[in-house]
Amino acid sequence: MNIAEQRRGRGARLAKLEHRYRRLLFAYPPGYRAGHGDELIGTILDGTEPGRSLPSPRESAALIAGGLRTRAVQAAAGPAWADGLHLGATVLAVLNLATLVRYAGSVPLWTTLSALTLLAVLRGWARSAIPLVAITGVKTAGLAMGVPLLGVTLLPVDPDTLLPGITVWQVSALHAVGGPIAPVTGYALLLAALLTLALRGGPARTRSPWWWLAVPAIAVTEPAWLQLTAASPRAVARVGLEIALFGLAIWAGHVARDPRWAIAGGTYLLVTLVLLVENGPQLQRDDLSHWGLLAFLALTAAAIPLRARRRVLL
């Protein structure tokens, strides 16, 4: 192989290595990549030993961790309470849609209105979302209580089916488990959060479209309440999802020294507390332990940012 071929081969290897590093940089926010990406890539390539064609596991982990930390710090912009309230509203809108999507064939109109609500919340259009939440919340109250509000709907509302007797979602009828207060509370809290944001004025932050992926992730799991004793895999998956999301809230609060993620977690905890109180006589020890775990994680998410800030001040 002559010198020219060696140089071409080395150039091709460096081009592939640079491409792989740039793929890792997607962990960073777009603005950071645009302003510092080339400089960061140049520094990394300058320190790369000859012959390497892949980023090392250590470098890969460091770049991904650095990108996530940068995202968390940049997300902690503006008033924490307002953004945390908007995050909480987003969580509630996702939960409401994830509940209805399993019954979309029976209640297509209300599922569509719930999807439009999530869209408005993600875009920061609090005023536009308010009437959608109010209408859907009234219909939810009617379905939960068996009252024909805003039109007659045949009860029970069963999950969608592929063929007769074969259900798409292995869940019970809509709002058949528990009482009517808990489902209505989710809409009431969402409405209160949106009204607060609307009265505050000013545009809310536009949320990432990745939030839409949370809808099927929640829909394929099963609410853990009154199901944990049976050790349903779908209920266990829901608990795992809850722990993972609260863990992210704790981590982000620690990195950014900001409580907005704890506010969102507290919103979810309120919904679970209402469900706990409403179904008190039917709850098992596992259900109480489940709520205690969520409460511990929510309190930790609230305490971590305060502790981090106190260390900085000292």
C-alpha atoms as a PDB file:
ATOM      1  CA  MET A   1       0.000   0.000   0.000  1.00  0.00           C
ATOM      2  CA  ASN A   2       1.473   3.339  -1.025  1.00  0.00           C
ATOM      3  CA  ILE A   3       1.436   6.524   1.037  1.00  0.00           C
ATOM      4  CA  ALA A   4      -1.530   8.010  -0.830  1.00  0.00           C
ATOM      5  CA  GLU A   5      -3.663   4.930  -0.112  1.00  0.00           C
ATOM      6  CA  GLN A   6      -2.644   4.993   3.542  1.00  0.00           C
ATOM      7  CA  ARG A   7      -3.700   8.624   3.830  1.00  0.00           C
ATOM      8  CA  ARG A   8      -7.026   7.913   2.157  1.00  0.00           C
ATOM      9  CA  GLY A   9      -7.615   5.005   4.520  1.00  0.00           C
ATOM     10  CA  ARG A  10      -6.722   7.092   7.554  1.00  0.00           C
ATOM     11  CA  GLY A  11      -9.009   9.881   6.328  1.00  0.00           C
ATOM     12  CA  ALA A  12     -11.920   7.457   5.842  1.00  0.00           C
ATOM     13  CA  ARG A  13     -11.360   6.002   9.329  1.00  0.00           C
ATOM     14  CA  LEU A  14     -11.328   9.455  10.922  1.00  0.00           C
ATOM     15  CA  ALA A  15     -14.487  10.409   9.000  1.00  0.00           C
ATOM     16  CA  LYS A  16     -16.295   7.324  10.340  1.00  0.00           C
ATOM     17  CA  LEU A  17     -15.017   7.984  13.850  1.00  0.00           C
ATOM     18  CA  GLU A  18     -16.152  11.617  13.659  1.00  0.00           C
ATOM     19  CA  HIS A  19     -19.594  10.509  12.444  1.00  0.00           C
ATOM     20  CA  ARG A  20     -19.938   8.138  15.400  1.00  0.00           C
ATOM     21  CA  TYR A  21     -18.936  10.858  17.856  1.00  0.00           C
ATOM     22  CA  ARG A  22     -21.467  13.222  16.298  1.00  0.00           C
ATOM     23  CA  ARG A  23     -24.180  10.637  16.788  1.00  0.00           C
ATOM     24  CA  LEU A  24     -23.304  10.571  20.494  1.00  0.00           C
ATOM     25  CA  LEU A  25     -23.587  14.360  20.572  1.00  0.00           C
ATOM     26  CA  PHE A  26     -27.326  14.025  19.950  1.00  0.00           C
ATOM     27  CA  ALA A  27     -27.556  13.626  23.732  1.00  0.00           C
ATOM     28  CA  TYR A  28     -26.873  17.380  23.887  1.00  0.00           C
ATOM     29  CA  PRO A  29     -29.542  20.009  23.095  1.00  0.00           C
ATOM     30  CA  PRO A  30     -29.596  21.264  19.465  1.00  0.00           C
ATOM     31  CA  GLY A  31     -28.467  24.764  20.446  1.00  0.00           C
ATOM     32  CA  TYR A  32     -25.456  23.405  22.314  1.00  0.00           C
ATOM     33  CA  ARG A  33     -24.481  21.185  19.363  1.00  0.00           C
ATOM     34  CA  ALA A  34     -24.730  24.127  16.973  1.00  0.00           C
ATOM     35  CA  GLY A  35     -22.557  26.372  19.167  1.00  0.00           C
ATOM     36  CA  HIS A  36     -20.013  23.937  20.590  1.00  0.00           C
ATOM     37  CA  GLY A  37     -20.315  20.682  18.642  1.00  0.00           C
ATOM     38  CA  ASP A  38     -17.451  21.260  16.193  1.00  0.00           C
ATOM     39  CA  GLU A  39     -15.127  22.459  18.945  1.00  0.00           C
ATOM     40  CA  LEU A  40     -15.952  19.468  21.119  1.00  0.00           C
ATOM     41  CA  ILE A  41     -15.486  16.999  18.249  1.00  0.00           C
ATOM     42  CA  GLY A  42     -12.161  18.619  17.301  1.00  0.00           C
ATOM     43  CA  THR A  43     -10.868  18.347  20.870  1.00  0.00           C
ATOM     44  CA  ILE A  44     -11.884  14.689  21.100  1.00  0.00           C
ATOM     45  CA  LEU A  45     -10.322  13.756  17.755  1.00  0.00           C
ATOM     46  CA  ASP A  46      -7.085  15.554  18.629  1.00  0.00           C
ATOM     47  CA  GLY A  47      -6.721  13.337  21.677  1.00  0.00           C
ATOM     48  CA  THR A  48      -7.691  10.094  19.953  1.00  0.00           C
ATOM     49  CA  GLU A  49      -4.909   7.541  19.645  1.00  0.00           C
ATOM     50  CA  PRO A  50      -4.024   6.352  16.131  1.00  0.00           C
ATOM     51  CA  GLY A  51      -5.898   3.357  14.729  1.00  0.00           C
ATOM     52  CA  ARG A  52      -9.121   3.811  16.673  1.00  0.00           C
ATOM     53  CA  SER A  53     -12.350   3.440  14.687  1.00  0.00           C
ATOM     54  CA  LEU A  54     -14.892   3.393  17.526  1.00  0.00           C
ATOM     55  CA  PRO A  55     -15.448   5.676  20.543  1.00  0.00           C
ATOM     56  CA  SER A  56     -14.392   3.998  23.757  1.00  0.00           C
ATOM     57  CA  PRO A  57     -17.139   2.934  26.198  1.00  0.00           C
ATOM     58  CA  ARG A  58     -15.824   5.485  28.708  1.00  0.00           C
ATOM     59  CA  GLU A  59     -15.973   8.327  26.184  1.00  0.00           C
ATOM     60  CA  SER A  60     -19.434   7.265  25.029  1.00  0.00           C
ATOM     61  CA  ALA A  61     -20.773   7.197  28.573  1.00  0.00           C
ATOM     62  CA  ALA A  62     -19.174  10.579  29.347  1.00  0.00           C
ATOM     63  CA  LEU A  63     -20.674  12.225  26.257  1.00  0.00           C
ATOM     64  CA  ILE A  64     -24.161  10.832  26.912  1.00  0.00           C
ATOM     65  CA  ALA A  65     -24.019  11.812  30.597  1.00  0.00           C
ATOM     66  CA  GLY A  66     -22.741  15.276  29.710  1.00  0.00           C
ATOM     67  CA  GLY A  67     -25.505  15.746  27.162  1.00  0.00           C
ATOM     68  CA  LEU A  68     -28.235  14.731  29.587  1.00  0.00           C
ATOM     69  CA  ARG A  69     -26.801  17.013  32.276  1.00  0.00           C
ATOM     70  CA  THR A  70     -26.752  19.906  29.808  1.00  0.00           C
ATOM     71  CA  ARG A  71     -30.364  19.228  28.846  1.00  0.00           C
ATOM     72  CA  ALA A  72     -31.424  19.204  32.500  1.00  0.00           C
ATOM     73  CA  VAL A  73     -29.606  22.459  33.264  1.00  0.00           C
ATOM     74  CA  GLN A  74     -31.010  24.201  30.189  1.00  0.00           C
ATOM     75  CA  ALA A  75     -34.509  22.947  31.012  1.00  0.00           C
ATOM     76  CA  ALA A  76     -34.315  24.700  34.404  1.00  0.00           C
ATOM     77  CA  ALA A  77     -35.077  28.097  32.883  1.00  0.00           C
ATOM     78  CA  GLY A  78     -37.803  30.502  33.943  1.00  0.00           C
ATOM     79  CA  PRO A  79     -39.979  30.332  37.073  1.00  0.00           C
ATOM     80  CA  ALA A  80     -39.758  26.840  38.524  1.00  0.00           C
ATOM     81  CA  TRP A  81     -43.318  26.800  39.901  1.00  0.00           C
ATOM     82  CA  ALA A  82     -44.928  27.776  36.587  1.00  0.00           C
ATOM     83  CA  ASP A  83     -42.883  25.360  34.511  1.00  0.00           C
ATOM     84  CA  GLY A  84     -43.360  22.621  37.103  1.00  0.00           C
ATOM     85  CA  LEU A  85     -47.112  23.211  36.992  1.00  0.00           C
ATOM     86  CA  HIS A  86     -47.005  22.945  33.215  1.00  0.00           C
ATOM     87  CA  LEU A  87     -45.012  19.718  33.506  1.00  0.00           C
ATOM     88  CA  GLY A  88     -47.639  18.398  35.912  1.00  0.00           C
ATOM     89  CA  ALA A  89     -50.382  19.366  33.459  1.00  0.00           C
ATOM     90  CA  THR A  90     -48.514  17.499  30.736  1.00  0.00           C
ATOM     91  CA  VAL A  91     -48.310  14.382  32.893  1.00  0.00           C
ATOM     92  CA  LEU A  92     -52.049  14.530  33.645  1.00  0.00           C
ATOM     93  CA  ALA A  93     -52.945  15.072  29.975  1.00  0.00           C
ATOM     94  CA  VAL A  94     -50.816  12.055  29.018  1.00  0.00           C
ATOM     95  CA  LEU A  95     -52.484   9.902  31.693  1.00  0.00           C
ATOM     96  CA  ASN A  96     -55.989  10.927  30.590  1.00  0.00           C
ATOM     97  CA  LEU A  97     -55.287  10.123  26.941  1.00  0.00           C
ATOM     98  CA  ALA A  98     -53.513   6.837  27.800  1.00  0.00           C
ATOM     99  CA  THR A  99     -56.635   5.785  29.704  1.00  0.00           C
ATOM    100  CA  LEU A 100     -59.048   6.587  26.862  1.00  0.00           C
ATOM    101  CA  VAL A 101     -56.957   5.312  23.950  1.00  0.00           C
ATOM    102  CA  ARG A 102     -57.658   1.730  24.992  1.00  0.00           C
ATOM    103  CA  TYR A 103     -61.383   2.371  24.420  1.00  0.00           C
ATOM    104  CA  ALA A 104     -61.064   4.598  21.340  1.00  0.00           C
ATOM    105  CA  GLY A 105     -63.350   2.384  19.261  1.00  0.00           C
ATOM    106  CA  SER A 106     -66.219   2.919  21.719  1.00  0.00           C
ATOM    107  CA  VAL A 107     -65.581   6.567  22.596  1.00  0.00           C
ATOM    108  CA  PRO A 108     -63.787   8.001  19.530  1.00  0.00           C
ATOM    109  CA  LEU A 109     -64.995  11.579  20.053  1.00  0.00           C
ATOM    110  CA  TRP A 110     -63.786  11.810  23.628  1.00  0.00           C
ATOM    111  CA  THR A 111     -60.488  10.144  22.789  1.00  0.00           C
ATOM    112  CA  THR A 112     -59.960  12.687  20.013  1.00  0.00           C
ATOM    113  CA  LEU A 113     -60.763  15.573  22.358  1.00  0.00           C
ATOM    114  CA  SER A 114     -58.300  14.145  24.880  1.00  0.00           C
ATOM    115  CA  ALA A 115     -55.617  13.944  22.160  1.00  0.00           C
ATOM    116  CA  LEU A 116     -56.325  17.569  21.199  1.00  0.00           C
ATOM    117  CA  THR A 117     -55.981  18.485  24.870  1.00  0.00           C
ATOM    118  CA  LEU A 118     -52.530  16.907  25.024  1.00  0.00           C
ATOM    119  CA  LEU A 119     -51.541  18.695  21.819  1.00  0.00           C
ATOM    120  CA  ALA A 120     -52.636  22.051  23.246  1.00  0.00           C
ATOM    121  CA  VAL A 121     -50.800  21.421  26.519  1.00  0.00           C
ATOM    122  CA  LEU A 122     -47.602  20.410  24.725  1.00  0.00           C
ATOM    123  CA  ARG A 123     -47.760  23.545  22.583  1.00  0.00           C
ATOM    124  CA  GLY A 124     -48.289  25.707  25.665  1.00  0.00           C
ATOM    125  CA  TRP A 125     -51.795  26.787  24.654  1.00  0.00           C
ATOM    126  CA  ALA A 126     -53.363  26.799  28.113  1.00  0.00           C
ATOM    127  CA  ARG A 127     -56.412  28.847  27.127  1.00  0.00           C
ATOM    128  CA  SER A 128     -57.209  26.559  24.204  1.00  0.00           C
ATOM    129  CA  ALA A 129     -56.906  23.452  26.378  1.00  0.00           C
ATOM    130  CA  ILE A 130     -59.254  24.683  29.109  1.00  0.00           C
ATOM    131  CA  PRO A 131     -62.602  24.092  27.291  1.00  0.00           C
ATOM    132  CA  LEU A 132     -61.374  20.735  25.988  1.00  0.00           C
ATOM    133  CA  VAL A 133     -60.493  19.582  29.506  1.00  0.00           C
ATOM    134  CA  ALA A 134     -63.788  20.861  30.915  1.00  0.00           C
ATOM    135  CA  ILE A 135     -65.899  19.051  28.314  1.00  0.00           C
ATOM    136  CA  THR A 136     -63.941  15.797  28.525  1.00  0.00           C
ATOM    137  CA  GLY A 137     -63.951  15.965  32.321  1.00  0.00           C
ATOM    138  CA  VAL A 138     -67.746  16.304  32.431  1.00  0.00           C
ATOM    139  CA  LYS A 139     -68.103  13.299  30.133  1.00  0.00           C
ATOM    140  CA  THR A 140     -65.661  11.318  32.289  1.00  0.00           C
ATOM    141  CA  ALA A 141     -67.735  12.119  35.370  1.00  0.00           C
ATOM    142  CA  GLY A 142     -70.826  10.861  33.568  1.00  0.00           C
ATOM    143  CA  LEU A 143     -69.153   7.619  32.499  1.00  0.00           C
ATOM    144  CA  ALA A 144     -67.740   6.997  35.972  1.00  0.00           C
ATOM    145  CA  MET A 145     -71.113   7.585  37.657  1.00  0.00           C
ATOM    146  CA  GLY A 146     -73.240   5.949  34.962  1.00  0.00           C
ATOM    147  CA  VAL A 147     -75.062   9.206  34.189  1.00  0.00           C
ATOM    148  CA  PRO A 148     -75.803  10.244  30.558  1.00  0.00           C
ATOM    149  CA  LEU A 149     -73.946  13.555  30.505  1.00  0.00           C
ATOM    150  CA  LEU A 150     -73.207  15.160  27.101  1.00  0.00           C
ATOM    151  CA  GLY A 151     -74.892  12.371  25.213  1.00  0.00           C
ATOM    152  CA  VAL A 152     -75.747   8.756  25.915  1.00  0.00           C
ATOM    153  CA  THR A 153     -72.897   6.222  25.929  1.00  0.00           C
ATOM    154  CA  LEU A 154     -73.603   2.513  26.192  1.00  0.00           C
ATOM    155  CA  LEU A 155     -72.123   1.112  29.415  1.00  0.00           C
ATOM    156  CA  PRO A 156     -69.941  -0.692  30.177  1.00  0.00           C
ATOM    157  CA  VAL A 157     -67.325   0.742  27.842  1.00  0.00           C
ATOM    158  CA  ASP A 158     -65.200  -2.297  27.028  1.00  0.00           C
ATOM    159  CA  PRO A 159     -61.658  -2.173  25.598  1.00  0.00           C
ATOM    160  CA  ASP A 160     -61.226  -2.354  21.839  1.00  0.00           C
ATOM    161  CA  THR A 161     -61.268  -5.756  20.161  1.00  0.00           C
ATOM    162  CA  LEU A 162     -59.456  -7.194  17.153  1.00  0.00           C
ATOM    163  CA  LEU A 163     -61.989  -9.968  16.661  1.00  0.00           C
ATOM    164  CA  PRO A 164     -65.017 -11.001  18.721  1.00  0.00           C
ATOM    165  CA  GLY A 165     -63.696 -12.173  22.062  1.00  0.00           C
ATOM    166  CA  ILE A 166     -60.104 -11.030  21.374  1.00  0.00           C
ATOM    167  CA  THR A 167     -59.309  -7.724  23.084  1.00  0.00           C
ATOM    168  CA  VAL A 168     -56.439  -5.466  22.097  1.00  0.00           C
ATOM    169  CA  TRP A 169     -55.920  -4.321  25.683  1.00  0.00           C
ATOM    170  CA  GLN A 170     -56.120  -6.757  28.590  1.00  0.00           C
ATOM    171  CA  VAL A 171     -57.931  -4.312  30.868  1.00  0.00           C
ATOM    172  CA  SER A 172     -61.345  -4.070  32.475  1.00  0.00           C
ATOM    173  CA  ALA A 173     -64.172  -1.803  31.351  1.00  0.00           C
ATOM    174  CA  LEU A 174     -63.565   1.946  31.508  1.00  0.00           C
ATOM    175  CA  HIS A 175     -63.687   3.231  35.117  1.00  0.00           C
ATOM    176  CA  ALA A 176     -65.006  -0.146  36.297  1.00  0.00           C
ATOM    177  CA  VAL A 177     -62.343  -0.439  39.025  1.00  0.00           C
ATOM    178  CA  GLY A 178     -62.597   1.985  41.932  1.00  0.00           C
ATOM    179  CA  GLY A 179     -64.977   4.905  42.342  1.00  0.00           C
ATOM    180  CA  PRO A 180     -65.773   7.987  40.252  1.00  0.00           C
ATOM    181  CA  ILE A 181     -63.817  10.525  42.307  1.00  0.00           C
ATOM    182  CA  ALA A 182     -60.291   9.552  41.252  1.00  0.00           C
ATOM    183  CA  PRO A 183     -60.830   9.805  37.459  1.00  0.00           C
ATOM    184  CA  VAL A 184     -62.621  13.143  37.847  1.00  0.00           C
ATOM    185  CA  THR A 185     -59.830  14.423  40.108  1.00  0.00           C
ATOM    186  CA  GLY A 186     -57.308  13.984  37.298  1.00  0.00           C
ATOM    187  CA  TYR A 187     -59.348  16.306  35.084  1.00  0.00           C
ATOM    188  CA  ALA A 188     -60.032  18.739  37.919  1.00  0.00           C
ATOM    189  CA  LEU A 189     -56.320  19.067  38.732  1.00  0.00           C
ATOM    190  CA  LEU A 190     -55.495  19.495  35.051  1.00  0.00           C
ATOM    191  CA  LEU A 191     -58.156  22.194  34.716  1.00  0.00           C
ATOM    192  CA  ALA A 192     -56.882  23.996  37.836  1.00  0.00           C
ATOM    193  CA  ALA A 193     -53.300  23.923  36.537  1.00  0.00           C
ATOM    194  CA  LEU A 194     -54.331  25.306  33.139  1.00  0.00           C
ATOM    195  CA  LEU A 195     -56.450  28.048  34.714  1.00  0.00           C
ATOM    196  CA  THR A 196     -53.507  29.063  36.896  1.00  0.00           C
ATOM    197  CA  LEU A 197     -51.189  29.195  33.895  1.00  0.00           C
ATOM    198  CA  ALA A 198     -53.740  31.161  31.860  1.00  0.00           C
ATOM    199  CA  LEU A 199     -54.253  33.718  34.655  1.00  0.00           C
ATOM    200  CA  ARG A 200     -50.501  34.060  35.033  1.00  0.00           C
ATOM    201  CA  GLY A 201     -50.266  35.137  31.409  1.00  0.00           C
ATOM    202  CA  GLY A 202     -47.360  34.784  29.061  1.00  0.00           C
ATOM    203  CA  PRO A 203     -46.629  31.789  26.843  1.00  0.00           C
ATOM    204  CA  ALA A 204     -45.873  28.436  28.423  1.00  0.00           C
ATOM    205  CA  ARG A 205     -42.913  26.403  27.205  1.00  0.00           C
ATOM    206  CA  THR A 206     -43.399  24.159  24.208  1.00  0.00           C
ATOM    207  CA  ARG A 207     -42.831  20.554  25.253  1.00  0.00           C
ATOM    208  CA  SER A 208     -40.994  17.933  23.256  1.00  0.00           C
ATOM    209  CA  PRO A 209     -43.082  15.758  20.886  1.00  0.00           C
ATOM    210  CA  TRP A 210     -41.393  12.784  22.565  1.00  0.00           C
ATOM    211  CA  TRP A 211     -44.142  13.099  25.182  1.00  0.00           C
ATOM    212  CA  TRP A 212     -46.492  11.387  22.721  1.00  0.00           C
ATOM    213  CA  LEU A 213     -44.503   8.173  23.161  1.00  0.00           C
ATOM    214  CA  ALA A 214     -45.484   8.172  26.841  1.00  0.00           C
ATOM    215  CA  VAL A 215     -49.124   7.528  25.840  1.00  0.00           C
ATOM    216  CA  PRO A 216     -48.629   3.991  24.451  1.00  0.00           C
ATOM    217  CA  ALA A 217     -45.997   3.280  27.125  1.00  0.00           C
ATOM    218  CA  ILE A 218     -48.630   3.902  29.813  1.00  0.00           C
ATOM    219  CA  ALA A 219     -51.504   2.372  27.857  1.00  0.00           C
ATOM    220  CA  VAL A 220     -49.790  -1.017  27.514  1.00  0.00           C
ATOM    221  CA  THR A 221     -49.264  -1.193  31.266  1.00  0.00           C
ATOM    222  CA  GLU A 222     -51.978  -1.561  33.872  1.00  0.00           C
ATOM    223  CA  PRO A 223     -52.805   0.701  36.833  1.00  0.00           C
ATOM    224  CA  ALA A 224     -51.197  -1.011  39.792  1.00  0.00           C
ATOM    225  CA  TRP A 225     -53.914  -0.154  42.283  1.00  0.00           C
ATOM    226  CA  LEU A 226     -55.979  -3.181  43.362  1.00  0.00           C
ATOM    227  CA  GLN A 227     -53.867  -5.304  40.986  1.00  0.00           C
ATOM    228  CA  LEU A 228     -50.550  -5.705  42.784  1.00  0.00           C
ATOM    229  CA  THR A 229     -51.728  -8.569  44.969  1.00  0.00           C
ATOM    230  CA  ALA A 230     -52.351 -10.627  41.826  1.00  0.00           C
ATOM    231  CA  ALA A 231     -48.813  -9.762  40.653  1.00  0.00           C
ATOM    232  CA  SER A 232     -50.029  -8.848  37.180  1.00  0.00           C
ATOM    233  CA  PRO A 233     -46.981  -8.328  34.899  1.00  0.00           C
ATOM    234  CA  ARG A 234     -48.634  -5.244  33.407  1.00  0.00           C
ATOM    235  CA  ALA A 235     -49.203  -3.790  36.878  1.00  0.00           C
ATOM    236  CA  VAL A 236     -45.606  -4.506  37.833  1.00  0.00           C
ATOM    237  CA  ALA A 237     -44.533  -2.793  34.599  1.00  0.00           C
ATOM    238  CA  ARG A 238     -46.523   0.309  35.609  1.00  0.00           C
ATOM    239  CA  VAL A 239     -44.753   0.388  38.975  1.00  0.00           C
ATOM    240  CA  GLY A 240     -41.407   0.072  37.211  1.00  0.00           C
ATOM    241  CA  LEU A 241     -42.324   2.959  34.908  1.00  0.00           C
ATOM    242  CA  GLU A 242     -43.316   5.104  37.891  1.00  0.00           C
ATOM    243  CA  ILE A 243     -40.040   4.375  39.691  1.00  0.00           C
ATOM    244  CA  ALA A 244     -38.022   5.162  36.554  1.00  0.00           C
ATOM    245  CA  LEU A 245     -39.770   8.508  35.997  1.00  0.00           C
ATOM    246  CA  PHE A 246     -39.459   9.565  39.627  1.00  0.00           C
ATOM    247  CA  GLY A 247     -35.812   8.540  39.463  1.00  0.00           C
ATOM    248  CA  LEU A 248     -35.322  10.867  36.485  1.00  0.00           C
ATOM    249  CA  ALA A 249     -37.042  13.668  38.413  1.00  0.00           C
ATOM    250  CA  ILE A 250     -34.682  13.133  41.366  1.00  0.00           C
ATOM    251  CA  TRP A 251     -31.629  13.085  39.089  1.00  0.00           C
ATOM    252  CA  ALA A 252     -32.686  16.204  37.145  1.00  0.00           C
ATOM    253  CA  GLY A 253     -33.443  18.073  40.362  1.00  0.00           C
ATOM    254  CA  HIS A 254     -30.015  17.207  41.706  1.00  0.00           C
ATOM    255  CA  VAL A 255     -28.189  18.204  38.517  1.00  0.00           C
ATOM    256  CA  ALA A 256     -30.064  21.465  37.923  1.00  0.00           C
ATOM    257  CA  ARG A 257     -30.727  22.286  41.604  1.00  0.00           C
ATOM    258  CA  ASP A 258     -34.294  23.018  40.585  1.00  0.00           C
ATOM    259  CA  PRO A 259     -37.619  21.725  42.002  1.00  0.00           C
ATOM    260  CA  ARG A 260     -39.789  21.909  38.863  1.00  0.00           C
ATOM    261  CA  TRP A 261     -39.678  18.141  38.316  1.00  0.00           C
ATOM    262  CA  ALA A 262     -40.696  17.588  41.929  1.00  0.00           C
ATOM    263  CA  ILE A 263     -43.779  19.775  41.360  1.00  0.00           C
ATOM    264  CA  ALA A 264     -44.793  17.577  38.441  1.00  0.00           C
ATOM    265  CA  GLY A 265     -44.225  14.462  40.549  1.00  0.00           C
ATOM    266  CA  GLY A 266     -46.314  15.946  43.351  1.00  0.00           C
ATOM    267  CA  THR A 267     -49.193  16.426  40.916  1.00  0.00           C
ATOM    268  CA  TYR A 268     -49.137  12.735  40.079  1.00  0.00           C
ATOM    269  CA  LEU A 269     -48.901  11.864  43.772  1.00  0.00           C
ATOM    270  CA  LEU A 270     -52.075  13.864  44.492  1.00  0.00           C
ATOM    271  CA  VAL A 271     -54.017  11.791  41.966  1.00  0.00           C
ATOM    272  CA  THR A 272     -52.792   8.566  43.540  1.00  0.00           C
ATOM    273  CA  LEU A 273     -53.645   9.864  47.025  1.00  0.00           C
ATOM    274  CA  VAL A 274     -57.263  10.496  46.007  1.00  0.00           C
ATOM    275  CA  LEU A 275     -57.451   6.991  44.571  1.00  0.00           C
ATOM    276  CA  LEU A 276     -55.959   5.605  47.772  1.00  0.00           C
ATOM    277  CA  VAL A 277     -58.551   7.371  49.959  1.00  0.00           C
ATOM    278  CA  GLU A 278     -61.498   6.533  47.706  1.00  0.00           C
ATOM    279  CA  ASN A 279     -60.692   2.822  47.606  1.00  0.00           C
ATOM    280  CA  GLY A 280     -59.491   2.516  51.202  1.00  0.00           C
ATOM    281  CA  PRO A 281     -61.622  -0.483  52.219  1.00  0.00           C
ATOM    282  CA  GLN A 282     -60.520  -2.501  49.157  1.00  0.00           C
ATOM    283  CA  LEU A 283     -56.812  -1.765  49.318  1.00  0.00           C
ATOM    284  CA  GLN A 284     -54.304  -4.433  50.232  1.00  0.00           C
ATOM    285  CA  ARG A 285     -50.999  -4.057  52.049  1.00  0.00           C
ATOM    286  CA  ASP A 286     -49.195  -4.030  48.713  1.00  0.00           C
ATOM    287  CA  ASP A 287     -51.245  -1.024  47.586  1.00  0.00           C
ATOM    288  CA  LEU A 288     -50.319   0.912  50.718  1.00  0.00           C
ATOM    289  CA  SER A 289     -46.668  -0.003  50.249  1.00  0.00           C
ATOM    290  CA  HIS A 290     -46.896   1.130  46.643  1.00  0.00           C
ATOM    291  CA  TRP A 291     -48.242   4.546  47.620  1.00  0.00           C
ATOM    292  CA  GLY A 292     -45.656   4.841  50.388  1.00  0.00           C
ATOM    293  CA  LEU A 293     -42.904   4.211  47.845  1.00  0.00           C
ATOM    294  CA  LEU A 294     -44.304   6.889  45.511  1.00  0.00           C
ATOM    295  CA  ALA A 295     -44.587   9.346  48.403  1.00  0.00           C
ATOM    296  CA  PHE A 296     -40.977   8.666  49.422  1.00  0.00           C
ATOM    297  CA  LEU A 297     -39.763   9.230  45.855  1.00  0.00           C
ATOM    298  CA  ALA A 298     -41.802  12.432  45.520  1.00  0.00           C
ATOM    299  CA  LEU A 299     -40.441  13.806  48.805  1.00  0.00           C
ATOM    300  CA  THR A 300     -36.914  12.876  47.752  1.00  0.00           C
ATOM    301  CA  ALA A 301     -37.405  14.699  44.444  1.00  0.00           C
ATOM    302  CA  ALA A 302     -38.477  17.791  46.412  1.00  0.00           C
ATOM    303  CA  ALA A 303     -35.674  17.585  48.985  1.00  0.00           C
ATOM    304  CA  ILE A 304     -32.749  16.932  46.645  1.00  0.00           C
ATOM    305  CA  PRO A 305     -32.805  20.360  44.890  1.00  0.00           C
ATOM    306  CA  LEU A 306     -33.050  22.173  48.235  1.00  0.00           C
ATOM    307  CA  ARG A 307     -30.115  20.232  49.607  1.00  0.00           C
ATOM    308  CA  ALA A 308     -28.053  20.874  46.454  1.00  0.00           C
ATOM    309  CA  ARG A 309     -28.764  24.616  46.637  1.00  0.00           C
ATOM    310  CA  ARG A 310     -27.839  24.710  50.311  1.00  0.00           C
ATOM    311  CA  ARG A 311     -24.465  23.112  49.549  1.00  0.00           C
ATOM    312  CA  VAL A 312     -23.776  25.741  46.902  1.00  0.00           C
ATOM    313  CA  LEU A 313     -24.634  28.573  49.301  1.00  0.00           C
ATOM    314  CA  LEU A 314     -22.367  27.125  51.979  1.00  0.00           C
END
